[in-house]
C-alpha atoms as a PDB file:
ATOM      1  CA  MET A   1      -0.426 -18.363 -40.858  1.00  0.00           C
ATOM      2  CA  GLY A   2      -1.694 -20.108 -37.668  1.00  0.00           C
ATOM      3  CA  GLU A   3      -4.271 -19.329 -35.029  1.00  0.00           C
ATOM      4  CA  ALA A   4      -4.930 -16.127 -33.220  1.00  0.00           C
ATOM      5  CA  VAL A   5      -2.513 -15.708 -30.057  1.00  0.00           C
ATOM      6  CA  GLY A   6      -3.889 -13.568 -27.239  1.00  0.00           C
ATOM      7  CA  ILE A   7      -0.720 -12.194 -25.354  1.00  0.00           C
ATOM      8  CA  LEU A   8      -1.416 -10.957 -21.418  1.00  0.00           C
ATOM      9  CA  GLU A   9       1.167  -9.704 -19.174  1.00  0.00           C
ATOM     10  CA  VAL A  10       0.483  -9.817 -15.681  1.00  0.00           C
ATOM     11  CA  TYR A  11       2.339  -9.422 -12.228  1.00  0.00           C
ATOM     12  CA  GLY A  12       3.523 -12.565 -10.795  1.00  0.00           C
ATOM     13  CA  LEU A  13       3.383 -16.364 -11.326  1.00  0.00           C
ATOM     14  CA  ALA A  14       0.570 -16.866  -9.223  1.00  0.00           C
ATOM     15  CA  THR A  15      -1.618 -14.244 -11.054  1.00  0.00           C
ATOM     16  CA  ALA A  16      -0.545 -15.788 -14.367  1.00  0.00           C
ATOM     17  CA  PHE A  17      -1.934 -19.222 -13.189  1.00  0.00           C
ATOM     18  CA  MET A  18      -5.139 -17.950 -12.203  1.00  0.00           C
ATOM     19  CA  ALA A  19      -5.565 -15.668 -15.351  1.00  0.00           C
ATOM     20  CA  ALA A  20      -4.648 -18.505 -17.544  1.00  0.00           C
ATOM     21  CA  ASP A  21      -7.061 -20.929 -15.654  1.00  0.00           C
ATOM     22  CA  ALA A  22      -9.843 -18.203 -16.142  1.00  0.00           C
ATOM     23  CA  GLY A  23      -8.958 -17.678 -19.830  1.00  0.00           C
ATOM     24  CA  CYS A  24      -9.189 -21.175 -20.510  1.00  0.00           C
ATOM     25  CA  LYS A  25     -12.410 -21.721 -18.629  1.00  0.00           C
ATOM     26  CA  ALA A  26     -13.957 -18.857 -20.864  1.00  0.00           C
ATOM     27  CA  GLY A  27     -12.817 -19.915 -24.394  1.00  0.00           C
ATOM     28  CA  LYS A  28     -11.904 -22.935 -25.939  1.00  0.00           C
ATOM     29  CA  VAL A  29      -8.079 -22.119 -26.253  1.00  0.00           C
ATOM     30  CA  THR A  30      -4.936 -23.697 -25.578  1.00  0.00           C
ATOM     31  CA  LEU A  31      -1.985 -22.181 -23.515  1.00  0.00           C
ATOM     32  CA  GLU A  32       1.534 -21.982 -24.848  1.00  0.00           C
ATOM     33  CA  LYS A  33       4.292 -21.807 -22.248  1.00  0.00           C
ATOM     34  CA  PHE A  34       4.427 -18.771 -20.138  1.00  0.00           C
ATOM     35  CA  ASP A  35       7.223 -16.445 -20.540  1.00  0.00           C
ATOM     36  CA  LYS A  36       9.044 -14.154 -17.638  1.00  0.00           C
ATOM     37  CA  ASN A  37      10.542 -10.835 -17.573  1.00  0.00           C
ATOM     38  CA  LYS A  38      12.367  -9.108 -14.554  1.00  0.00           C
ATOM     39  CA  PRO A  39      11.632  -5.411 -14.826  1.00  0.00           C
ATOM     40  CA  LYS A  40      14.346  -2.952 -14.069  1.00  0.00           C
ATOM     41  CA  ASN A  41      12.285  -1.264 -11.240  1.00  0.00           C
ATOM     42  CA  PRO A  42      10.973  -4.322  -9.684  1.00  0.00           C
ATOM     43  CA  ASP A  43      10.519  -2.362  -6.023  1.00  0.00           C
ATOM     44  CA  SER A  44       8.047  -0.316  -7.463  1.00  0.00           C
ATOM     45  CA  LEU A  45       5.661  -3.019  -8.948  1.00  0.00           C
ATOM     46  CA  PRO A  46       3.303  -4.900  -6.822  1.00  0.00           C
ATOM     47  CA  VAL A  47       5.406  -8.125  -7.693  1.00  0.00           C
ATOM     48  CA  PRO A  48       8.834  -7.859  -8.899  1.00  0.00           C
ATOM     49  CA  LEU A  49       8.357 -10.450 -11.861  1.00  0.00           C
ATOM     50  CA  LEU A  50       6.340  -9.986 -15.120  1.00  0.00           C
ATOM     51  CA  VAL A  51       4.897 -13.246 -16.488  1.00  0.00           C
ATOM     52  CA  THR A  52       3.404 -13.496 -19.946  1.00  0.00           C
ATOM     53  CA  VAL A  53       0.257 -15.693 -20.726  1.00  0.00           C
ATOM     54  CA  LYS A  54      -0.576 -17.060 -24.252  1.00  0.00           C
ATOM     55  CA  PHE A  55      -3.828 -18.147 -25.510  1.00  0.00           C
ATOM     56  CA  ARG A  56      -4.045 -19.656 -28.688  1.00  0.00           C
ATOM     57  CA  GLY A  57      -7.450 -20.558 -30.686  1.00  0.00           C
ATOM     58  CA  GLU A  58      -9.888 -18.968 -32.863  1.00  0.00           C
ATOM     59  CA  VAL A  59     -10.173 -15.152 -32.665  1.00  0.00           C
ATOM     60  CA  ALA A  60     -13.292 -15.194 -30.677  1.00  0.00           C
ATOM     61  CA  ASP A  61     -12.302 -17.748 -28.172  1.00  0.00           C
ATOM     62  CA  VAL A  62      -9.021 -15.900 -27.707  1.00  0.00           C
ATOM     63  CA  GLU A  63     -11.082 -12.427 -27.225  1.00  0.00           C
ATOM     64  CA  SER A  64     -13.287 -14.359 -24.563  1.00  0.00           C
ATOM     65  CA  ALA A  65     -10.037 -15.959 -23.070  1.00  0.00           C
ATOM     66  CA  MET A  66      -8.400 -12.451 -22.999  1.00  0.00           C
ATOM     67  CA  GLU A  67     -11.331 -10.850 -21.337  1.00  0.00           C
ATOM     68  CA  ALA A  68     -11.707 -13.551 -18.221  1.00  0.00           C
ATOM     69  CA  ALA A  69      -7.891 -13.541 -17.953  1.00  0.00           C
ATOM     70  CA  MET A  70      -7.760  -9.851 -17.717  1.00  0.00           C
ATOM     71  CA  LYS A  71     -10.633  -9.565 -15.401  1.00  0.00           C
ATOM     72  CA  ARG A  72      -9.059 -12.226 -12.922  1.00  0.00           C
ATOM     73  CA  ALA A  73      -5.616 -10.458 -12.963  1.00  0.00           C
ATOM     74  CA  GLU A  74      -7.331  -7.221 -12.041  1.00  0.00           C
ATOM     75  CA  GLU A  75      -8.795  -8.679  -8.941  1.00  0.00           C
ATOM     76  CA  LEU A  76      -5.299 -10.196  -7.843  1.00  0.00           C
ATOM     77  CA  THR A  77      -1.993  -8.159  -8.641  1.00  0.00           C
ATOM     78  CA  GLY A  78      -3.233  -6.577 -12.173  1.00  0.00           C
ATOM     79  CA  PHE A  79      -1.736  -6.722 -15.466  1.00  0.00           C
ATOM     80  CA  VAL A  80       0.477  -4.495 -17.618  1.00  0.00           C
ATOM     81  CA  GLN A  81      -0.531  -4.921 -21.176  1.00  0.00           C
ATOM     82  CA  HIS A  82      -2.458  -7.069 -23.605  1.00  0.00           C
ATOM     83  CA  PHE A  83      -2.842  -7.980 -27.349  1.00  0.00           C
ATOM     84  CA  ILE A  84      -4.606 -10.139 -29.562  1.00  0.00           C
ATOM     85  CA  ILE A  85      -2.758 -11.005 -32.889  1.00  0.00           C
ATOM     86  CA  PRO A  86      -5.524 -12.496 -35.285  1.00  0.00           C
ATOM     87  CA  HIS A  87      -3.197 -14.255 -37.589  1.00  0.00           C
ATOM     88  CA  PRO A  88       0.544 -14.387 -36.521  1.00  0.00           C
ATOM     89  CA  THR A  89       3.057 -14.273 -39.395  1.00  0.00           C
ATOM     90  CA  GLU A  90       5.690 -17.126 -39.679  1.00  0.00           C
ATOM     91  CA  ASP A  91       8.456 -14.666 -38.192  1.00  0.00           C
ATOM     92  CA  THR A  92       6.049 -13.693 -35.217  1.00  0.00           C
ATOM     93  CA  GLU A  93       5.272 -17.478 -34.634  1.00  0.00           C
ATOM     94  CA  LYS A  94       8.873 -18.196 -34.236  1.00  0.00           C
ATOM     95  CA  MET A  95       9.180 -15.324 -31.809  1.00  0.00           C
ATOM     96  CA  LEU A  96       6.156 -16.408 -29.817  1.00  0.00           C
ATOM     97  CA  LYS A  97       8.053 -19.953 -29.136  1.00  0.00           C
ATOM     98  CA  ILE A  98      11.002 -18.020 -27.128  1.00  0.00           C
ATOM     99  CA  CYS A  99      10.760 -18.575 -23.379  1.00  0.00           C
ATOM    100  CA  ALA A 100      13.051 -17.244 -20.720  1.00  0.00           C
ATOM    101  CA  PHE A 101      11.630 -20.103 -18.330  1.00  0.00           C
ATOM    102  CA  ASP A 102      13.670 -22.543 -20.420  1.00  0.00           C
ATOM    103  CA  LYS A 103      16.809 -20.622 -19.536  1.00  0.00           C
ATOM    104  CA  ARG A 104      18.864 -21.809 -16.542  1.00  0.00           C
END
């Protein structure tokens, strides 16, 4: 089992960058590739694209990063949901590598 992972889904790419920056400054974490999701109801959202930010590190550092990232995202367009997985399984690790930004 690997490092903890924090998953934060936000509205828009700019908010994802700002939240990621705040999180990285708040805890000793690394970022994995962002992921994207186009929701079915884009006209009803603040920004028509959902972006997932993933932090990796020790649980306490991921918690600190997530807290700072959520605060920053809320100051901008907001966030949809957030989760921390303390010890992802091997199968979960495989799924965390999937990235829609890699698709053309």
